[in-house]
Amino acid sequence: MALIGEWDQMETDGPYALLDVPGIDFNMYVVTIESDDLEAGAITALKLVGIDPGALTRKGDTQFGSWFIVFYLIGEGQGVTTLAQLSRIRFIGGAQWSRR
């Protein structure tokens, strides 16, 4: 997936990339997890970046080509979206956003 626009890579202390969009409250984590189960892989990825899966309310899901996308709320005006792609290595990415 190509990234369009201005993104800043943030420093992390974990084995993942963290990207920020300047000027808006939006972060994107890029995490690679090996898992035989899509949902278990997403839970592992969320925990790795410090998001409690138990605090999320699932609001919907969709598929875009080979990408599986799940939308969650994590509080008033805040959300988490996971994007996962199944291949030999399972790729899990996620975005966290909030309204200002």
PDB file of N, CA and C in Angstrom:
ATOM      1  N   MET A   1       0.841  -1.166   0.000  1.00  0.00           N
ATOM      2  CA  MET A   1       0.000   0.000   0.000  1.00  0.00           C
ATOM      3  C   MET A   1       0.895   1.240   0.000  1.00  0.00           C
ATOM      4  N   ALA A   2       0.706   2.105  -0.940  1.00  0.00           N
ATOM      5  CA  ALA A   2       1.512   3.325  -1.003  1.00  0.00           C
ATOM      6  C   ALA A   2       0.965   4.367  -0.028  1.00  0.00           C
ATOM      7  N   LEU A   3       1.857   5.092   0.609  1.00  0.00           N
ATOM      8  CA  LEU A   3       1.455   6.179   1.500  1.00  0.00           C
ATOM      9  C   LEU A   3       1.467   7.479   0.713  1.00  0.00           C
ATOM     10  N   ILE A   4       0.364   8.213   0.792  1.00  0.00           N
ATOM     11  CA  ILE A   4       0.242   9.478   0.085  1.00  0.00           C
ATOM     12  C   ILE A   4       0.246  10.590   1.119  1.00  0.00           C
ATOM     13  N   GLY A   5       0.957  11.660   0.848  1.00  0.00           N
ATOM     14  CA  GLY A   5       0.996  12.789   1.761  1.00  0.00           C
ATOM     15  C   GLY A   5       2.256  12.800   2.589  1.00  0.00           C
ATOM     16  N   GLU A   6       2.256  13.652   3.595  1.00  0.00           N
ATOM     17  CA  GLU A   6       3.431  13.847   4.445  1.00  0.00           C
ATOM     18  C   GLU A   6       3.325  12.957   5.682  1.00  0.00           C
ATOM     19  N   TRP A   7       4.319  12.123   5.898  1.00  0.00           N
ATOM     20  CA  TRP A   7       4.367  11.219   7.047  1.00  0.00           C
ATOM     21  C   TRP A   7       5.719  11.396   7.732  1.00  0.00           C
ATOM     22  N   ASP A   8       5.730  11.395   9.049  1.00  0.00           N
ATOM     23  CA  ASP A   8       6.972  11.429   9.818  1.00  0.00           C
ATOM     24  C   ASP A   8       7.140  10.097  10.526  1.00  0.00           C
ATOM     25  N   GLN A   9       8.336   9.509  10.429  1.00  0.00           N
ATOM     26  CA  GLN A   9       8.594   8.278  11.170  1.00  0.00           C
ATOM     27  C   GLN A   9       9.024   8.654  12.585  1.00  0.00           C
ATOM     28  N   MET A  10       8.338   8.086  13.565  1.00  0.00           N
ATOM     29  CA  MET A  10       8.606   8.362  14.972  1.00  0.00           C
ATOM     30  C   MET A  10       9.520   7.275  15.529  1.00  0.00           C
ATOM     31  N   GLU A  11      10.286   7.621  16.536  1.00  0.00           N
ATOM     32  CA  GLU A  11      11.157   6.650  17.177  1.00  0.00           C
ATOM     33  C   GLU A  11      10.341   5.802  18.148  1.00  0.00           C
ATOM     34  N   THR A  12      10.595   4.501  18.187  1.00  0.00           N
ATOM     35  CA  THR A  12       9.904   3.602  19.107  1.00  0.00           C
ATOM     36  C   THR A  12      10.928   2.761  19.854  1.00  0.00           C
ATOM     37  N   ASP A  13      10.471   2.123  20.922  1.00  0.00           N
ATOM     38  CA  ASP A  13      11.333   1.181  21.630  1.00  0.00           C
ATOM     39  C   ASP A  13      10.897  -0.257  21.351  1.00  0.00           C
ATOM     40  N   GLY A  14      10.030  -0.438  20.353  1.00  0.00           N
ATOM     41  CA  GLY A  14       9.521  -1.762  20.018  1.00  0.00           C
ATOM     42  C   GLY A  14       9.936  -2.189  18.624  1.00  0.00           C
ATOM     43  N   PRO A  15       9.610  -3.451  18.269  1.00  0.00           N
ATOM     44  CA  PRO A  15       9.973  -3.990  16.952  1.00  0.00           C
ATOM     45  C   PRO A  15       8.923  -3.675  15.880  1.00  0.00           C
ATOM     46  N   TYR A  16       8.565  -2.413  15.755  1.00  0.00           N
ATOM     47  CA  TYR A  16       7.571  -1.981  14.795  1.00  0.00           C
ATOM     48  C   TYR A  16       7.881  -0.553  14.365  1.00  0.00           C
ATOM     49  N   ALA A  17       7.274  -0.142  13.262  1.00  0.00           N
ATOM     50  CA  ALA A  17       7.424   1.236  12.797  1.00  0.00           C
ATOM     51  C   ALA A  17       6.209   2.036  13.254  1.00  0.00           C
ATOM     52  N   LEU A  18       6.416   3.298  13.556  1.00  0.00           N
ATOM     53  CA  LEU A  18       5.340   4.208  13.944  1.00  0.00           C
ATOM     54  C   LEU A  18       5.444   5.442  13.060  1.00  0.00           C
ATOM     55  N   LEU A  19       4.371   5.726  12.327  1.00  0.00           N
ATOM     56  CA  LEU A  19       4.321   6.870  11.434  1.00  0.00           C
ATOM     57  C   LEU A  19       3.259   7.844  11.925  1.00  0.00           C
ATOM     58  N   ASP A  20       3.521   9.133  11.761  1.00  0.00           N
ATOM     59  CA  ASP A  20       2.642  10.202  12.231  1.00  0.00           C
ATOM     60  C   ASP A  20       2.334  11.128  11.067  1.00  0.00           C
ATOM     61  N   VAL A  21       1.099  11.637  11.036  1.00  0.00           N
ATOM     62  CA  VAL A  21       0.728  12.643  10.040  1.00  0.00           C
ATOM     63  C   VAL A  21       0.774  13.996  10.736  1.00  0.00           C
ATOM     64  N   PRO A  22       1.691  14.881  10.355  1.00  0.00           N
ATOM     65  CA  PRO A  22       1.796  16.194  10.995  1.00  0.00           C
ATOM     66  C   PRO A  22       0.493  16.986  10.883  1.00  0.00           C
ATOM     67  N   GLY A  23       0.098  17.605  11.994  1.00  0.00           N
ATOM     68  CA  GLY A  23      -1.059  18.481  11.983  1.00  0.00           C
ATOM     69  C   GLY A  23      -2.387  17.824  12.330  1.00  0.00           C
ATOM     70  N   ILE A  24      -2.436  16.495  12.345  1.00  0.00           N
ATOM     71  CA  ILE A  24      -3.660  15.816  12.775  1.00  0.00           C
ATOM     72  C   ILE A  24      -3.288  14.715  13.760  1.00  0.00           C
ATOM     73  N   ASP A  25      -4.223  14.322  14.583  1.00  0.00           N
ATOM     74  CA  ASP A  25      -3.975  13.297  15.586  1.00  0.00           C
ATOM     75  C   ASP A  25      -4.202  11.922  14.962  1.00  0.00           C
ATOM     76  N   PHE A  26      -3.187  11.436  14.241  1.00  0.00           N
ATOM     77  CA  PHE A  26      -3.286  10.173  13.521  1.00  0.00           C
ATOM     78  C   PHE A  26      -1.930   9.496  13.547  1.00  0.00           C
ATOM     79  N   ASN A  27      -1.877   8.288  14.050  1.00  0.00           N
ATOM     80  CA  ASN A  27      -0.653   7.484  14.056  1.00  0.00           C
ATOM     81  C   ASN A  27      -0.914   6.184  13.322  1.00  0.00           C
ATOM     82  N   MET A  28       0.091   5.672  12.629  1.00  0.00           N
ATOM     83  CA  MET A  28      -0.018   4.370  11.994  1.00  0.00           C
ATOM     84  C   MET A  28       1.157   3.513  12.440  1.00  0.00           C
ATOM     85  N   TYR A  29       0.833   2.345  12.951  1.00  0.00           N
ATOM     86  CA  TYR A  29       1.834   1.370  13.352  1.00  0.00           C
ATOM     87  C   TYR A  29       1.955   0.336  12.247  1.00  0.00           C
ATOM     88  N   VAL A  30       3.161  -0.106  11.962  1.00  0.00           N
ATOM     89  CA  VAL A  30       3.384  -1.183  11.006  1.00  0.00           C
ATOM     90  C   VAL A  30       4.068  -2.300  11.768  1.00  0.00           C
ATOM     91  N   VAL A  31       3.363  -3.434  11.874  1.00  0.00           N
ATOM     92  CA  VAL A  31       3.808  -4.558  12.685  1.00  0.00           C
ATOM     93  C   VAL A  31       3.728  -5.819  11.838  1.00  0.00           C
ATOM     94  N   THR A  32       4.722  -6.676  11.930  1.00  0.00           N
ATOM     95  CA  THR A  32       4.679  -7.972  11.256  1.00  0.00           C
ATOM     96  C   THR A  32       4.562  -9.056  12.315  1.00  0.00           C
ATOM     97  N   ILE A  33       3.528  -9.884  12.188  1.00  0.00           N
ATOM     98  CA  ILE A  33       3.253 -10.956  13.131  1.00  0.00           C
ATOM     99  C   ILE A  33       3.074 -12.240  12.336  1.00  0.00           C
ATOM    100  N   GLU A  34       3.665 -13.331  12.796  1.00  0.00           N
ATOM    101  CA  GLU A  34       3.389 -14.631  12.206  1.00  0.00           C
ATOM    102  C   GLU A  34       2.321 -15.303  13.040  1.00  0.00           C
ATOM    103  N   SER A  35       1.212 -15.670  12.394  1.00  0.00           N
ATOM    104  CA  SER A  35       0.091 -16.282  13.097  1.00  0.00           C
ATOM    105  C   SER A  35      -0.719 -17.095  12.108  1.00  0.00           C
ATOM    106  N   ASP A  36      -1.279 -18.199  12.583  1.00  0.00           N
ATOM    107  CA  ASP A  36      -2.176 -18.997  11.744  1.00  0.00           C
ATOM    108  C   ASP A  36      -3.606 -18.482  11.813  1.00  0.00           C
ATOM    109  N   ASP A  37      -3.855 -17.507  12.692  1.00  0.00           N
ATOM    110  CA  ASP A  37      -5.199 -16.996  12.922  1.00  0.00           C
ATOM    111  C   ASP A  37      -5.185 -15.472  12.800  1.00  0.00           C
ATOM    112  N   LEU A  38      -6.008 -14.944  11.904  1.00  0.00           N
ATOM    113  CA  LEU A  38      -6.026 -13.501  11.633  1.00  0.00           C
ATOM    114  C   LEU A  38      -6.351 -12.692  12.886  1.00  0.00           C
ATOM    115  N   GLU A  39      -7.397 -13.089  13.624  1.00  0.00           N
ATOM    116  CA  GLU A  39      -7.799 -12.332  14.810  1.00  0.00           C
ATOM    117  C   GLU A  39      -6.754 -12.416  15.917  1.00  0.00           C
ATOM    118  N   ALA A  40      -6.173 -13.601  16.120  1.00  0.00           N
ATOM    119  CA  ALA A  40      -5.126 -13.750  17.142  1.00  0.00           C
ATOM    120  C   ALA A  40      -3.910 -12.902  16.787  1.00  0.00           C
ATOM    121  N   GLY A  41      -3.567 -12.838  15.512  1.00  0.00           N
ATOM    122  CA  GLY A  41      -2.451 -12.000  15.066  1.00  0.00           C
ATOM    123  C   GLY A  41      -2.719 -10.531  15.312  1.00  0.00           C
ATOM    124  N   ALA A  42      -3.958 -10.094  15.062  1.00  0.00           N
ATOM    125  CA  ALA A  42      -4.316  -8.691  15.298  1.00  0.00           C
ATOM    126  C   ALA A  42      -4.248  -8.361  16.781  1.00  0.00           C
ATOM    127  N   ILE A  43      -4.722  -9.257  17.641  1.00  0.00           N
ATOM    128  CA  ILE A  43      -4.658  -9.041  19.090  1.00  0.00           C
ATOM    129  C   ILE A  43      -3.216  -8.928  19.548  1.00  0.00           C
ATOM    130  N   THR A  44      -2.360  -9.797  19.053  1.00  0.00           N
ATOM    131  CA  THR A  44      -0.936  -9.745  19.396  1.00  0.00           C
ATOM    132  C   THR A  44      -0.322  -8.423  18.956  1.00  0.00           C
ATOM    133  N   ALA A  45      -0.650  -7.964  17.736  1.00  0.00           N
ATOM    134  CA  ALA A  45      -0.114  -6.707  17.218  1.00  0.00           C
ATOM    135  C   ALA A  45      -0.597  -5.523  18.053  1.00  0.00           C
ATOM    136  N   LEU A  46      -1.885  -5.508  18.407  1.00  0.00           N
ATOM    137  CA  LEU A  46      -2.412  -4.413  19.223  1.00  0.00           C
ATOM    138  C   LEU A  46      -1.698  -4.336  20.568  1.00  0.00           C
ATOM    139  N   LYS A  47      -1.524  -5.483  21.210  1.00  0.00           N
ATOM    140  CA  LYS A  47      -0.830  -5.512  22.500  1.00  0.00           C
ATOM    141  C   LYS A  47       0.613  -5.040  22.365  1.00  0.00           C
ATOM    142  N   LEU A  48       1.273  -5.425  21.270  1.00  0.00           N
ATOM    143  CA  LEU A  48       2.670  -5.053  21.046  1.00  0.00           C
ATOM    144  C   LEU A  48       2.860  -3.539  21.011  1.00  0.00           C
ATOM    145  N   VAL A  49       1.878  -2.819  20.449  1.00  0.00           N
ATOM    146  CA  VAL A  49       2.007  -1.359  20.342  1.00  0.00           C
ATOM    147  C   VAL A  49       1.339  -0.631  21.513  1.00  0.00           C
ATOM    148  N   GLY A  50       0.864  -1.389  22.505  1.00  0.00           N
ATOM    149  CA  GLY A  50       0.333  -0.776  23.726  1.00  0.00           C
ATOM    150  C   GLY A  50      -1.153  -0.461  23.713  1.00  0.00           C
ATOM    151  N   ILE A  51      -1.909  -1.103  22.830  1.00  0.00           N
ATOM    152  CA  ILE A  51      -3.358  -0.912  22.789  1.00  0.00           C
ATOM    153  C   ILE A  51      -4.015  -2.137  23.413  1.00  0.00           C
ATOM    154  N   ASP A  52      -4.885  -1.919  24.397  1.00  0.00           N
ATOM    155  CA  ASP A  52      -5.590  -2.999  25.076  1.00  0.00           C
ATOM    156  C   ASP A  52      -6.778  -3.443  24.210  1.00  0.00           C
ATOM    157  N   PRO A  53      -6.724  -4.654  23.628  1.00  0.00           N
ATOM    158  CA  PRO A  53      -7.837  -5.117  22.793  1.00  0.00           C
ATOM    159  C   PRO A  53      -9.166  -5.168  23.557  1.00  0.00           C
ATOM    160  N   GLY A  54      -9.123  -5.379  24.877  1.00  0.00           N
ATOM    161  CA  GLY A  54     -10.331  -5.419  25.683  1.00  0.00           C
ATOM    162  C   GLY A  54     -11.027  -4.072  25.797  1.00  0.00           C
ATOM    163  N   ALA A  55     -10.311  -3.000  25.508  1.00  0.00           N
ATOM    164  CA  ALA A  55     -10.884  -1.646  25.590  1.00  0.00           C
ATOM    165  C   ALA A  55     -11.549  -1.227  24.278  1.00  0.00           C
ATOM    166  N   LEU A  56     -11.473  -2.076  23.251  1.00  0.00           N
ATOM    167  CA  LEU A  56     -11.996  -1.728  21.929  1.00  0.00           C
ATOM    168  C   LEU A  56     -13.422  -2.234  21.741  1.00  0.00           C
ATOM    169  N   THR A  57     -14.231  -1.447  21.034  1.00  0.00           N
ATOM    170  CA  THR A  57     -15.575  -1.854  20.637  1.00  0.00           C
ATOM    171  C   THR A  57     -15.576  -2.017  19.122  1.00  0.00           C
ATOM    172  N   ARG A  58     -15.808  -3.243  18.660  1.00  0.00           N
ATOM    173  CA  ARG A  58     -15.802  -3.497  17.217  1.00  0.00           C
ATOM    174  C   ARG A  58     -17.026  -2.858  16.576  1.00  0.00           C
ATOM    175  N   LYS A  59     -16.803  -2.079  15.514  1.00  0.00           N
ATOM    176  CA  LYS A  59     -17.888  -1.366  14.840  1.00  0.00           C
ATOM    177  C   LYS A  59     -18.172  -1.885  13.433  1.00  0.00           C
ATOM    178  N   GLY A  60     -17.270  -2.649  12.867  1.00  0.00           N
ATOM    179  CA  GLY A  60     -17.509  -3.163  11.530  1.00  0.00           C
ATOM    180  C   GLY A  60     -16.244  -3.699  10.912  1.00  0.00           C
ATOM    181  N   ASP A  61     -16.397  -4.307   9.758  1.00  0.00           N
ATOM    182  CA  ASP A  61     -15.231  -4.814   9.036  1.00  0.00           C
ATOM    183  C   ASP A  61     -15.555  -4.846   7.552  1.00  0.00           C
ATOM    184  N   THR A  62     -14.504  -4.923   6.760  1.00  0.00           N
ATOM    185  CA  THR A  62     -14.649  -4.991   5.313  1.00  0.00           C
ATOM    186  C   THR A  62     -13.399  -5.643   4.734  1.00  0.00           C
ATOM    187  N   GLN A  63     -13.415  -5.886   3.455  1.00  0.00           N
ATOM    188  CA  GLN A  63     -12.246  -6.413   2.760  1.00  0.00           C
ATOM    189  C   GLN A  63     -11.991  -5.544   1.538  1.00  0.00           C
ATOM    190  N   PHE A  64     -10.723  -5.207   1.308  1.00  0.00           N
ATOM    191  CA  PHE A  64     -10.315  -4.402   0.168  1.00  0.00           C
ATOM    192  C   PHE A  64      -9.219  -5.180  -0.554  1.00  0.00           C
ATOM    193  N   GLY A  65      -9.584  -5.873  -1.617  1.00  0.00           N
ATOM    194  CA  GLY A  65      -8.618  -6.748  -2.274  1.00  0.00           C
ATOM    195  C   GLY A  65      -8.180  -7.839  -1.311  1.00  0.00           C
ATOM    196  N   SER A  66      -6.880  -7.954  -1.077  1.00  0.00           N
ATOM    197  CA  SER A  66      -6.359  -8.974  -0.160  1.00  0.00           C
ATOM    198  C   SER A  66      -6.220  -8.451   1.274  1.00  0.00           C
ATOM    199  N   TRP A  67      -6.713  -7.237   1.552  1.00  0.00           N
ATOM    200  CA  TRP A  67      -6.628  -6.636   2.881  1.00  0.00           C
ATOM    201  C   TRP A  67      -7.926  -6.861   3.655  1.00  0.00           C
ATOM    202  N   PHE A  68      -7.795  -7.274   4.906  1.00  0.00           N
ATOM    203  CA  PHE A  68      -8.919  -7.411   5.828  1.00  0.00           C
ATOM    204  C   PHE A  68      -8.859  -6.217   6.783  1.00  0.00           C
ATOM    205  N   ILE A  69      -9.943  -5.471   6.895  1.00  0.00           N
ATOM    206  CA  ILE A  69      -9.956  -4.225   7.663  1.00  0.00           C
ATOM    207  C   ILE A  69     -11.041  -4.318   8.736  1.00  0.00           C
ATOM    208  N   VAL A  70     -10.673  -4.016   9.987  1.00  0.00           N
ATOM    209  CA  VAL A  70     -11.624  -4.032  11.094  1.00  0.00           C
ATOM    210  C   VAL A  70     -11.583  -2.663  11.772  1.00  0.00           C
ATOM    211  N   PHE A  71     -12.768  -2.106  12.036  1.00  0.00           N
ATOM    212  CA  PHE A  71     -12.904  -0.786  12.639  1.00  0.00           C
ATOM    213  C   PHE A  71     -13.349  -0.923  14.094  1.00  0.00           C
ATOM    214  N   TYR A  72     -12.654  -0.217  14.998  1.00  0.00           N
ATOM    215  CA  TYR A  72     -12.974  -0.242  16.421  1.00  0.00           C
ATOM    216  C   TYR A  72     -13.093   1.187  16.944  1.00  0.00           C
ATOM    217  N   LEU A  73     -13.878   1.355  18.013  1.00  0.00           N
ATOM    218  CA  LEU A  73     -13.871   2.595  18.791  1.00  0.00           C
ATOM    219  C   LEU A  73     -13.097   2.316  20.072  1.00  0.00           C
ATOM    220  N   ILE A  74     -12.390   3.345  20.551  1.00  0.00           N
ATOM    221  CA  ILE A  74     -11.607   3.207  21.775  1.00  0.00           C
ATOM    222  C   ILE A  74     -11.874   4.380  22.713  1.00  0.00           C
ATOM    223  N   GLY A  75     -13.050   4.940  22.639  1.00  0.00           N
ATOM    224  CA  GLY A  75     -13.402   6.092  23.466  1.00  0.00           C
ATOM    225  C   GLY A  75     -14.097   7.136  22.618  1.00  0.00           C
ATOM    226  N   GLU A  76     -14.540   8.184  23.261  1.00  0.00           N
ATOM    227  CA  GLU A  76     -15.263   9.257  22.572  1.00  0.00           C
ATOM    228  C   GLU A  76     -14.377   9.917  21.509  1.00  0.00           C
ATOM    229  N   GLY A  77     -14.792   9.789  20.256  1.00  0.00           N
ATOM    230  CA  GLY A  77     -14.071  10.438  19.167  1.00  0.00           C
ATOM    231  C   GLY A  77     -12.726   9.825  18.837  1.00  0.00           C
ATOM    232  N   GLN A  78     -12.473   8.598  19.309  1.00  0.00           N
ATOM    233  CA  GLN A  78     -11.196   7.941  19.031  1.00  0.00           C
ATOM    234  C   GLN A  78     -11.457   6.556  18.456  1.00  0.00           C
ATOM    235  N   GLY A  79     -10.566   6.125  17.585  1.00  0.00           N
ATOM    236  CA  GLY A  79     -10.735   4.817  16.987  1.00  0.00           C
ATOM    237  C   GLY A  79      -9.430   4.140  16.668  1.00  0.00           C
ATOM    238  N   VAL A  80      -9.535   2.858  16.410  1.00  0.00           N
ATOM    239  CA  VAL A  80      -8.408   2.035  15.982  1.00  0.00           C
ATOM    240  C   VAL A  80      -8.897   1.218  14.798  1.00  0.00           C
ATOM    241  N   THR A  81      -8.113   1.152  13.761  1.00  0.00           N
ATOM    242  CA  THR A  81      -8.430   0.337  12.595  1.00  0.00           C
ATOM    243  C   THR A  81      -7.282  -0.607  12.349  1.00  0.00           C
ATOM    244  N   THR A  82      -7.588  -1.901  12.226  1.00  0.00           N
ATOM    245  CA  THR A  82      -6.527  -2.849  11.896  1.00  0.00           C
ATOM    246  C   THR A  82      -6.665  -3.232  10.424  1.00  0.00           C
ATOM    247  N   LEU A  83      -5.535  -3.343   9.764  1.00  0.00           N
ATOM    248  CA  LEU A  83      -5.473  -3.819   8.392  1.00  0.00           C
ATOM    249  C   LEU A  83      -4.580  -5.045   8.412  1.00  0.00           C
ATOM    250  N   ALA A  84      -5.049  -6.132   7.858  1.00  0.00           N
ATOM    251  CA  ALA A  84      -4.259  -7.359   7.863  1.00  0.00           C
ATOM    252  C   ALA A  84      -4.270  -7.969   6.479  1.00  0.00           C
ATOM    253  N   GLN A  85      -3.152  -8.547   6.122  1.00  0.00           N
ATOM    254  CA  GLN A  85      -3.034  -9.203   4.835  1.00  0.00           C
ATOM    255  C   GLN A  85      -2.419 -10.569   5.069  1.00  0.00           C
ATOM    256  N   LEU A  86      -3.071 -11.602   4.588  1.00  0.00           N
ATOM    257  CA  LEU A  86      -2.552 -12.951   4.753  1.00  0.00           C
ATOM    258  C   LEU A  86      -1.616 -13.295   3.602  1.00  0.00           C
ATOM    259  N   SER A  87      -0.466 -13.813   3.951  1.00  0.00           N
ATOM    260  CA  SER A  87       0.495 -14.289   2.969  1.00  0.00           C
ATOM    261  C   SER A  87       1.371 -15.304   3.691  1.00  0.00           C
ATOM    262  N   ARG A  88       2.512 -15.644   3.147  1.00  0.00           N
ATOM    263  CA  ARG A  88       3.400 -16.574   3.852  1.00  0.00           C
ATOM    264  C   ARG A  88       3.726 -16.044   5.230  1.00  0.00           C
ATOM    265  N   ILE A  89       3.974 -14.760   5.320  1.00  0.00           N
ATOM    266  CA  ILE A  89       4.131 -14.098   6.615  1.00  0.00           C
ATOM    267  C   ILE A  89       2.918 -13.207   6.775  1.00  0.00           C
ATOM    268  N   ARG A  90       2.293 -13.264   7.916  1.00  0.00           N
ATOM    269  CA  ARG A  90       1.107 -12.455   8.147  1.00  0.00           C
ATOM    270  C   ARG A  90       1.524 -11.018   8.429  1.00  0.00           C
ATOM    271  N   PHE A  91       0.924 -10.093   7.737  1.00  0.00           N
ATOM    272  CA  PHE A  91       1.227  -8.674   7.932  1.00  0.00           C
ATOM    273  C   PHE A  91       0.055  -8.032   8.643  1.00  0.00           C
ATOM    274  N   ILE A  92       0.330  -7.378   9.737  1.00  0.00           N
ATOM    275  CA  ILE A  92      -0.701  -6.664  10.477  1.00  0.00           C
ATOM    276  C   ILE A  92      -0.259  -5.207  10.574  1.00  0.00           C
ATOM    277  N   GLY A  93      -1.087  -4.309  10.164  1.00  0.00           N
ATOM    278  CA  GLY A  93      -0.828  -2.894  10.325  1.00  0.00           C
ATOM    279  C   GLY A  93      -2.019  -2.271  11.028  1.00  0.00           C
ATOM    280  N   GLY A  94      -1.844  -1.141  11.616  1.00  0.00           N
ATOM    281  CA  GLY A  94      -2.972  -0.517  12.292  1.00  0.00           C
ATOM    282  C   GLY A  94      -2.819   0.979  12.341  1.00  0.00           C
ATOM    283  N   ALA A  95      -3.918   1.653  12.495  1.00  0.00           N
ATOM    284  CA  ALA A  95      -3.922   3.099  12.609  1.00  0.00           C
ATOM    285  C   ALA A  95      -4.738   3.489  13.845  1.00  0.00           C
ATOM    286  N   GLN A  96      -4.275   4.478  14.546  1.00  0.00           N
ATOM    287  CA  GLN A  96      -5.007   4.997  15.692  1.00  0.00           C
ATOM    288  C   GLN A  96      -5.272   6.468  15.429  1.00  0.00           C
ATOM    289  N   TRP A  97      -6.517   6.903  15.660  1.00  0.00           N
ATOM    290  CA  TRP A  97      -6.879   8.276  15.345  1.00  0.00           C
ATOM    291  C   TRP A  97      -7.788   8.825  16.431  1.00  0.00           C
ATOM    292  N   SER A  98      -7.894  10.134  16.481  1.00  0.00           N
ATOM    293  CA  SER A  98      -8.881  10.782  17.339  1.00  0.00           C
ATOM    294  C   SER A  98      -9.242  12.119  16.735  1.00  0.00           C
ATOM    295  N   ARG A  99     -10.446  12.588  17.059  1.00  0.00           N
ATOM    296  CA  ARG A  99     -10.882  13.905  16.597  1.00  0.00           C
ATOM    297  C   ARG A  99     -10.357  14.956  17.558  1.00  0.00           C
ATOM    298  N   ARG A 100      -9.920  16.086  17.024  1.00  0.00           N
ATOM    299  CA  ARG A 100      -9.452  17.180  17.880  1.00  0.00           C
ATOM    300  C   ARG A 100     -10.602  18.029  18.319  1.00  0.00           C
TER     301      ARG A 100
END
